[in-house]
């Protein structure tokens, strides 16, 4: 199996030589994903209350929280990828840290574009359920060619973001990527589509985990992997909406 989500690699459900007293189910992964999403909302609401979207000096205080949660989330995420059994603990920790990050980022965007956060949340949820329905109905099939295309596109996007970050350290701004012109908006739309299509790969991967009778703890790991995609999708939708609102 191929997936562009680094948390859900082809080897993830390889349990050869590993006995499992109970096995993973799709519904178990769904329930645990729901819990992780709830934790994201809880910590996002907390940071939102600490730094309401008012801008100015109050907004400046959120940056240490953003940096700390981003670094912490990255470290916990990497630990979870390499220690899948720990996901029952690291998954909720990751969700809380990402909630702080997303809540802080959303508050900053909200200060400039009132109402943008709830729009991004709604569009993310709508995209999730629409693609889940399309996948379950067979309208979208995770064929090998589909997986290859989405994986390649995701890898290209990650390389572009990495190049943008490295160039930014030297004061060089990558053209179009962060602009709110027609090209910049078009680029963001493409990235949103690719992020959304990663959900299809995640659905397929979780379903295959049940078929392969993966151990029960993999439900937590699968939920973590799906949350990684949802966090990326939300951030990209938020950026796209900001570009669109910035043209008004």
Protein backbone atom coordinates (compact mmCIF):
# COMPACT_ATOMS: atom_id res chain seq x y z
CA UNK A 1 0.00 0.00 0.00
CA UNK A 2 1.13 3.52 -0.76
CA UNK A 3 0.20 6.63 1.19
CA UNK A 4 1.70 10.10 1.29
CA UNK A 5 0.89 10.50 4.99
CA UNK A 6 4.22 9.87 6.77
CA UNK A 7 2.32 8.52 9.77
CA UNK A 8 0.67 5.81 7.65
CA UNK A 9 3.43 4.15 5.67
CA UNK A 10 3.17 0.86 3.84
CA UNK A 11 4.87 -0.93 6.74
CA UNK A 12 2.50 0.42 9.36
CA UNK A 13 0.18 -2.58 9.46
CA UNK A 14 2.89 -5.19 8.99
CA UNK A 15 2.34 -7.32 12.10
CA UNK A 16 4.15 -10.48 11.06
CA UNK A 17 5.33 -12.34 14.13
CA UNK A 18 3.22 -10.14 16.39
CA UNK A 19 0.31 -11.72 18.20
CA UNK A 20 -2.70 -9.55 18.91
CA UNK A 21 -5.28 -10.42 21.57
CA UNK A 22 -7.79 -8.18 19.80
CA UNK A 23 -7.68 -6.56 16.44
CA UNK A 24 -8.25 -3.12 14.97
CA UNK A 25 -11.62 -2.09 13.57
CA UNK A 26 -12.62 0.85 11.41
CA UNK A 27 -15.19 1.99 13.98
CA UNK A 28 -12.61 1.81 16.73
CA UNK A 29 -10.34 4.11 14.72
CA UNK A 30 -13.30 6.44 14.04
CA UNK A 31 -14.14 6.71 17.74
CA UNK A 32 -10.55 7.45 18.66
CA UNK A 33 -10.29 10.01 15.87
CA UNK A 34 -13.36 11.71 17.32
CA UNK A 35 -11.69 11.86 20.74
CA UNK A 36 -8.51 13.36 19.29
CA UNK A 37 -10.51 15.96 17.36
CA UNK A 38 -12.35 16.84 20.59
CA UNK A 39 -9.00 17.39 22.34
CA UNK A 40 -7.89 19.64 19.47
CA UNK A 41 -11.01 21.76 19.88
CA UNK A 42 -10.62 21.87 23.67
CA UNK A 43 -7.05 23.19 23.64
CA UNK A 44 -7.80 25.48 20.68
CA UNK A 45 -10.69 27.00 22.63
CA UNK A 46 -8.45 27.47 25.66
CA UNK A 47 -5.75 29.37 23.77
CA UNK A 48 -8.42 31.38 21.95
CA UNK A 49 -9.77 32.50 25.34
CA UNK A 50 -6.29 33.49 26.51
CA UNK A 51 -5.54 35.54 23.39
CA UNK A 52 -8.83 36.62 21.81
CA UNK A 53 -8.49 37.86 18.20
CA UNK A 54 -7.99 41.52 19.01
CA UNK A 55 -4.60 42.12 17.40
CA UNK A 56 -1.96 44.51 18.79
CA UNK A 57 0.06 43.70 21.89
CA UNK A 58 -2.35 40.98 22.97
CA UNK A 59 -1.73 39.10 19.73
CA UNK A 60 2.05 39.28 20.23
CA UNK A 61 1.73 37.20 23.37
CA UNK A 62 0.49 34.19 21.43
CA UNK A 63 3.71 33.71 19.47
CA UNK A 64 5.63 31.84 22.23
CA UNK A 65 2.69 29.46 22.46
CA UNK A 66 2.71 28.98 18.69
CA UNK A 67 6.44 28.23 18.59
CA UNK A 68 6.32 25.93 21.60
CA UNK A 69 3.29 23.96 20.41
CA UNK A 70 4.67 23.68 16.86
CA UNK A 71 8.00 22.29 18.09
CA UNK A 72 6.33 20.07 20.68
CA UNK A 73 3.81 18.76 18.18
CA UNK A 74 6.57 17.97 15.70
CA UNK A 75 8.62 16.07 18.29
CA UNK A 76 5.63 14.12 19.61
CA UNK A 77 4.54 13.38 16.06
CA UNK A 78 7.94 11.93 15.15
CA UNK A 79 8.01 9.85 18.34
CA UNK A 80 4.59 8.46 17.46
CA UNK A 81 5.67 7.55 13.95
CA UNK A 82 8.60 5.51 15.25
CA UNK A 83 6.84 4.13 18.35
CA UNK A 84 3.37 3.19 17.16
CA UNK A 85 2.47 1.42 20.41
CA UNK A 86 2.83 4.71 22.26
CA UNK A 87 0.05 6.33 20.23
CA UNK A 88 -2.47 5.74 23.02
CA UNK A 89 -0.48 8.35 25.00
CA UNK A 90 1.30 10.41 22.36
CA UNK A 91 -1.79 10.72 20.16
CA UNK A 92 -3.77 12.75 22.74
CA UNK A 93 -0.66 14.80 23.59
CA UNK A 94 -0.19 15.58 19.90
CA UNK A 95 -3.85 16.56 19.61
CA UNK A 96 -3.59 18.97 22.56
CA UNK A 97 -0.43 20.58 21.19
CA UNK A 98 -1.91 20.94 17.71
CA UNK A 99 -5.02 22.46 19.22
CA UNK A 100 -2.92 25.15 20.88
CA UNK A 101 -1.14 25.81 17.59
CA UNK A 102 -4.30 25.89 15.49
CA UNK A 103 -6.15 27.99 18.04
CA UNK A 104 -3.36 30.56 18.13
CA UNK A 105 -3.00 30.70 14.36
CA UNK A 106 -6.77 30.99 13.97
CA UNK A 107 -6.91 33.87 16.44
CA UNK A 108 -4.26 35.75 14.46
CA UNK A 109 -6.14 35.25 11.20
CA UNK A 110 -9.43 36.14 12.88
CA UNK A 111 -8.03 39.50 13.97
CA UNK A 112 -7.53 40.43 10.32
CA UNK A 113 -10.47 38.54 8.80
CA UNK A 114 -13.42 38.23 11.22
CA UNK A 115 -15.33 35.00 10.79
CA UNK A 116 -12.56 33.20 8.91
CA UNK A 117 -11.94 30.57 11.60
CA UNK A 118 -15.48 29.19 11.65
CA UNK A 119 -15.50 29.19 7.84
CA UNK A 120 -12.29 27.13 7.79
CA UNK A 121 -13.65 24.71 10.39
CA UNK A 122 -16.86 24.25 8.42
CA UNK A 123 -15.08 23.71 5.12
CA UNK A 124 -12.67 21.22 6.70
CA UNK A 125 -15.51 19.22 8.25
CA UNK A 126 -17.51 19.38 5.04
CA UNK A 127 -14.54 18.16 3.00
CA UNK A 128 -13.94 15.28 5.42
CA UNK A 129 -17.51 14.02 5.29
CA UNK A 130 -17.89 14.58 1.54
CA UNK A 131 -14.77 12.56 0.75
CA UNK A 132 -15.72 9.87 3.26
CA UNK A 133 -19.11 9.54 1.55
CA UNK A 134 -17.48 9.47 -1.88
CA UNK A 135 -15.02 6.81 -0.72
CA UNK A 136 -17.63 4.61 0.96
CA UNK A 137 -19.93 4.85 -2.05
CA UNK A 138 -17.15 3.87 -4.44
CA UNK A 139 -17.25 7.20 -6.26
CA UNK A 140 -13.53 7.62 -5.45
CA UNK A 141 -11.35 4.52 -5.43
CA UNK A 142 -7.86 4.45 -3.98
CA UNK A 143 -6.25 2.69 -6.93
CA UNK A 144 -2.49 2.33 -7.20
CA UNK A 145 -2.33 5.08 -9.83
CA UNK A 146 -4.44 7.35 -7.62
CA UNK A 147 -2.14 6.70 -4.67
CA UNK A 148 0.95 7.31 -6.78
CA UNK A 149 -0.39 10.63 -8.08
CA UNK A 150 -1.43 11.95 -4.67
CA UNK A 151 1.83 10.80 -3.08
CA UNK A 152 3.92 12.49 -5.77
CA UNK A 153 1.90 15.71 -5.53
CA UNK A 154 2.19 15.76 -1.74
CA UNK A 155 5.93 15.22 -1.91
CA UNK A 156 6.29 18.06 -4.39
CA UNK A 157 4.32 20.40 -2.12
CA UNK A 158 6.48 19.50 0.87
CA UNK A 159 9.63 20.21 -1.16
CA UNK A 160 8.26 23.60 -2.22
CA UNK A 161 7.44 24.49 1.38
CA UNK A 162 10.90 23.38 2.48
CA UNK A 163 12.54 25.46 -0.23
CA UNK A 164 10.39 28.46 0.74
CA UNK A 165 11.45 28.10 4.37
CA UNK A 166 15.16 27.79 3.52
CA UNK A 167 15.03 30.74 1.12
CA UNK A 168 13.16 32.79 3.70
CA UNK A 169 16.08 32.38 6.10
CA UNK A 170 18.19 34.28 3.56
CA UNK A 171 15.57 36.95 2.94
CA UNK A 172 14.48 35.49 -0.39
CA UNK A 173 10.72 35.33 -0.95
CA UNK A 174 9.40 32.57 -3.18
CA UNK A 175 7.15 34.18 -5.81
CA UNK A 176 3.40 33.49 -5.93
CA UNK A 177 3.32 30.95 -3.06
CA UNK A 178 2.16 33.46 -0.45
CA UNK A 179 0.60 36.06 -2.76
CA UNK A 180 -3.13 36.75 -2.94
CA UNK A 181 -3.06 37.25 -6.69
CA UNK A 182 -4.72 34.92 -9.16
CA UNK A 183 -1.66 32.65 -9.38
CA UNK A 184 -1.19 32.55 -5.62
CA UNK A 185 -4.84 31.68 -5.06
CA UNK A 186 -4.64 29.01 -7.75
CA UNK A 187 -1.62 27.45 -6.05
CA UNK A 188 -3.45 27.38 -2.72
CA UNK A 189 -6.48 25.75 -4.34
CA UNK A 190 -4.30 23.00 -5.78
CA UNK A 191 -2.67 22.42 -2.39
CA UNK A 192 -6.08 22.23 -0.69
CA UNK A 193 -7.22 19.63 -3.23
CA UNK A 194 -4.09 17.53 -2.70
CA UNK A 195 -4.45 17.74 1.08
CA UNK A 196 -8.09 16.68 0.79
CA UNK A 197 -7.25 13.72 -1.45
CA UNK A 198 -4.85 12.50 1.22
CA UNK A 199 -7.94 11.79 3.30
CA UNK A 200 -8.96 9.16 0.74
CA UNK A 201 -5.61 7.45 1.14
CA UNK A 202 -6.00 7.54 4.91
CA UNK A 203 -9.50 6.01 4.73
CA UNK A 204 -8.18 3.24 2.53
CA UNK A 205 -5.22 2.61 4.77
CA UNK A 206 -7.39 2.34 7.90
CA UNK A 207 -9.76 -0.04 6.11
CA UNK A 208 -6.83 -2.21 5.09
CA UNK A 209 -5.70 -2.28 8.72
CA UNK A 210 -8.98 -3.90 9.71
CA UNK A 211 -8.69 -6.39 6.83
CA UNK A 212 -5.15 -7.33 7.90
CA UNK A 213 -6.31 -7.72 11.52
CA UNK A 214 -3.83 -5.21 12.87
CA UNK A 215 -3.42 -5.05 16.67
CA UNK A 216 -5.94 -3.03 18.66
CA UNK A 217 -3.45 -0.31 19.56
CA UNK A 218 -3.23 0.55 15.86
CA UNK A 219 -6.62 2.25 16.18
CA UNK A 220 -4.90 5.02 18.11
CA UNK A 221 -2.10 5.20 15.60
CA UNK A 222 -4.53 5.33 12.69
CA UNK A 223 -6.48 8.10 14.42
CA UNK A 224 -3.24 10.03 14.88
CA UNK A 225 -2.40 9.63 11.20
CA UNK A 226 -5.80 10.88 10.10
CA UNK A 227 -5.47 13.85 12.45
CA UNK A 228 -2.17 14.79 10.81
CA UNK A 229 -3.98 15.14 7.48
CA UNK A 230 -6.89 17.08 9.00
CA UNK A 231 -4.53 19.58 10.62
CA UNK A 232 -2.77 20.16 7.30
CA UNK A 233 -6.07 20.50 5.45
CA UNK A 234 -7.41 23.05 7.95
CA UNK A 235 -4.28 25.20 7.73
CA UNK A 236 -4.36 25.19 3.93
CA UNK A 237 -8.05 26.12 3.85
CA UNK A 238 -7.36 28.92 6.33
CA UNK A 239 -4.58 30.26 4.12
CA UNK A 240 -6.74 30.05 1.01
CA UNK A 241 -9.60 31.92 2.67
CA UNK A 242 -7.18 34.60 3.88
CA UNK A 243 -5.91 35.10 0.32
CA UNK A 244 -9.46 35.37 -1.00
CA UNK A 245 -10.49 37.79 1.75
CA UNK A 246 -7.30 39.80 1.22
CA UNK A 247 -8.41 40.69 -2.29
CA UNK A 248 -11.52 42.49 -1.06
